[in-house]
Amino acid sequence: MKVSEVMTAPPVTVTPDVRLAEAARLMAKAAVGSLPVVDDDGAPAGIVTDRDIALRGLGGGLPPDATVDAVMSPRVVTVDADDDLQAAYRAFRRTGVRRLPVLELGRVVGVITTDDLFLDVFRRLADLLGPVARTVLQEPSERDCAGGASHEL
């Protein structure tokens, strides 16, 4: 399975010059906890999280007109849309981040999160356990086979 099959797209992004309040409004509107920060060409310039805004921005005493570049993390870990999903698992495990911008031709085209991978795991488990569960539900119990009598071994 490819990263592009699991990622959220299109991503909500901001440029470094966006004010923190606007970035926070965008996060709230899109119900996301982070925004990839992109340059004018859509290439990744960093990432800003709700925690960055709250702790480094407002909690850090920045002025109301502060911009995203004052609090963003400029080092951003990415994966490519065509990468196998295992590349995302490895990136999360190796780096400890919880969100990865997804690139295509060097531009941010989506985001994949640890929650997306949890959903992938749950889908895989459901695929695996579905036939087993159906079989268990269809098989009569020992009690039904014995005419309702209970047997102890």
Protein backbone atom coordinates (compact mmCIF):
# COMPACT_ATOMS: atom_id res chain seq x y z
CA MET A 1 0.00 0.00 0.00
CA LYS A 2 1.25 3.48 -0.86
CA VAL A 3 1.41 6.52 1.43
CA SER A 4 -0.93 8.32 -0.99
CA GLU A 5 -3.69 5.80 -0.18
CA VAL A 6 -3.68 6.68 3.51
CA MET A 7 -2.71 10.37 3.62
CA THR A 8 -5.09 13.26 4.10
CA ALA A 9 -5.24 15.42 1.00
CA PRO A 10 -5.28 18.17 0.07
CA PRO A 11 -3.32 19.50 3.02
CA VAL A 12 -4.08 22.74 4.81
CA THR A 13 -0.82 24.69 4.58
CA VAL A 14 0.50 28.11 5.48
CA THR A 15 3.44 30.24 4.41
CA PRO A 16 5.99 31.46 6.96
CA ASP A 17 4.56 35.00 6.95
CA VAL A 18 1.06 33.99 8.14
CA ARG A 19 0.15 35.41 11.55
CA LEU A 20 -0.15 32.93 14.42
CA ALA A 21 -3.81 33.78 15.04
CA GLU A 22 -4.66 32.97 11.41
CA ALA A 23 -2.75 29.68 11.61
CA ALA A 24 -4.69 28.79 14.78
CA ARG A 25 -8.00 29.61 13.06
CA LEU A 26 -7.06 27.41 10.10
CA MET A 27 -6.21 24.53 12.44
CA ALA A 28 -9.51 24.89 14.28
CA LYS A 29 -11.52 25.09 11.07
CA ALA A 30 -9.82 22.02 9.56
CA ALA A 31 -9.71 20.15 12.91
CA VAL A 32 -5.98 19.50 12.61
CA GLY A 33 -3.15 19.88 15.09
CA SER A 34 -0.47 20.97 12.67
CA LEU A 35 0.10 22.75 9.39
CA PRO A 36 2.90 22.18 6.94
CA VAL A 37 4.66 25.47 6.26
CA VAL A 38 5.45 25.86 2.58
CA ASP A 39 7.34 28.34 0.44
CA ASP A 40 5.82 30.05 -2.57
CA ASP A 41 6.46 26.96 -4.72
CA GLY A 42 4.73 24.58 -2.29
CA ALA A 43 8.02 23.07 -1.08
CA PRO A 44 8.24 22.31 2.64
CA ALA A 45 9.78 25.06 4.77
CA GLY A 46 8.79 23.62 8.15
CA ILE A 47 5.84 22.59 10.25
CA VAL A 48 3.86 24.41 12.93
CA THR A 49 1.76 22.69 15.58
CA ASP A 50 -0.94 23.91 17.91
CA ARG A 51 1.55 23.36 20.71
CA ASP A 52 4.12 25.60 18.96
CA ILE A 53 1.55 28.38 18.77
CA ALA A 54 0.40 27.97 22.37
CA LEU A 55 3.76 27.49 24.07
CA ARG A 56 6.34 29.25 21.92
CA GLY A 57 3.97 31.89 20.59
CA LEU A 58 1.38 33.02 23.10
CA GLY A 59 3.02 31.42 26.12
CA GLY A 60 6.43 32.68 25.02
CA GLY A 61 5.26 36.28 25.05
CA LEU A 62 5.41 36.92 21.31
CA PRO A 63 3.50 39.98 20.09
CA PRO A 64 0.02 39.53 18.58
CA ASP A 65 1.34 40.14 15.08
CA ALA A 66 3.98 37.38 15.30
CA THR A 67 4.17 35.07 12.32
CA VAL A 68 4.48 31.33 11.90
CA ASP A 69 8.20 31.50 11.11
CA ALA A 70 8.83 32.61 14.71
CA VAL A 71 7.55 29.33 16.17
CA MET A 72 7.64 26.69 13.42
CA SER A 73 10.04 23.77 13.38
CA PRO A 74 12.20 24.35 10.30
CA ARG A 75 13.44 20.76 10.21
CA VAL A 76 10.62 18.71 8.79
CA VAL A 77 10.57 14.98 8.16
CA THR A 78 8.71 14.02 5.00
CA VAL A 79 7.74 10.99 2.95
CA ASP A 80 6.89 10.73 -0.73
CA ALA A 81 3.36 9.98 -1.92
CA ASP A 82 4.67 6.99 -3.90
CA ASP A 83 6.55 5.51 -0.94
CA ASP A 84 5.35 2.22 0.46
CA LEU A 85 3.43 2.73 3.70
CA GLN A 86 6.25 0.95 5.52
CA ALA A 87 8.42 4.03 4.83
CA ALA A 88 6.01 6.10 6.92
CA TYR A 89 6.06 3.52 9.73
CA ARG A 90 9.88 3.65 9.71
CA ALA A 91 9.96 7.47 9.65
CA PHE A 92 7.61 7.69 12.62
CA ARG A 93 9.57 5.09 14.57
CA ARG A 94 12.97 6.62 13.72
CA THR A 95 12.11 10.26 14.43
CA GLY A 96 9.35 10.24 17.05
CA VAL A 97 7.27 12.82 15.16
CA ARG A 98 3.51 12.37 14.89
CA ARG A 99 2.86 14.04 11.54
CA LEU A 100 4.61 13.78 8.19
CA PRO A 101 4.04 16.06 5.23
CA VAL A 102 3.75 14.01 2.05
CA LEU A 103 5.61 15.20 -1.03
CA GLU A 104 5.13 14.74 -4.74
CA LEU A 105 7.76 16.28 -7.01
CA GLY A 106 9.07 18.25 -4.02
CA ARG A 107 5.72 19.85 -3.16
CA VAL A 108 3.50 19.13 -0.17
CA VAL A 109 0.43 17.24 -1.40
CA GLY A 110 -0.83 15.67 1.81
CA VAL A 111 -0.17 14.79 5.43
CA ILE A 112 0.00 11.42 7.12
CA THR A 113 -0.30 11.09 10.88
CA THR A 114 0.16 8.36 13.45
CA ASP A 115 -3.65 8.29 13.69
CA ASP A 116 -3.80 7.45 9.97
CA LEU A 117 -1.50 4.49 10.63
CA PHE A 118 -3.65 3.35 13.57
CA LEU A 119 -6.64 3.33 11.22
CA ASP A 120 -4.62 1.31 8.72
CA VAL A 121 -3.75 -1.22 11.43
CA PHE A 122 -7.39 -1.45 12.53
CA ARG A 123 -8.53 -2.00 8.92
CA ARG A 124 -5.94 -4.74 8.48
CA LEU A 125 -7.03 -6.42 11.72
CA ALA A 126 -10.67 -6.22 10.65
CA ASP A 127 -9.76 -7.79 7.30
CA LEU A 128 -7.92 -10.57 9.10
CA LEU A 129 -10.43 -11.16 11.88
CA GLY A 130 -13.61 -10.70 9.85
CA PRO A 131 -13.65 -14.21 8.38
CA VAL A 132 -12.63 -15.71 11.73
CA ALA A 133 -15.40 -13.83 13.55
CA ARG A 134 -17.99 -14.93 11.00
CA THR A 135 -16.88 -18.55 11.38
CA VAL A 136 -17.06 -18.38 15.18
CA LEU A 137 -20.49 -16.78 15.07
CA GLN A 138 -21.78 -19.44 12.66
CA GLU A 139 -20.46 -22.47 14.56
CA PRO A 140 -22.85 -23.88 17.17
CA SER A 141 -21.43 -24.01 20.66
CA GLU A 142 -20.86 -27.30 22.51
CA ARG A 143 -23.91 -26.53 24.55
CA ASP A 144 -26.08 -26.29 21.43
CA CYS A 145 -24.69 -29.57 20.08
CA ALA A 146 -25.42 -31.42 23.32
CA GLY A 147 -29.03 -30.38 23.45
CA GLY A 148 -28.51 -27.79 26.11
CA ALA A 149 -26.73 -30.08 28.57
CA SER A 150 -23.58 -28.87 30.19
CA HIS A 151 -20.53 -31.13 30.07
CA GLU A 152 -17.49 -30.83 32.27
CA LEU A 153 -14.19 -32.40 31.46
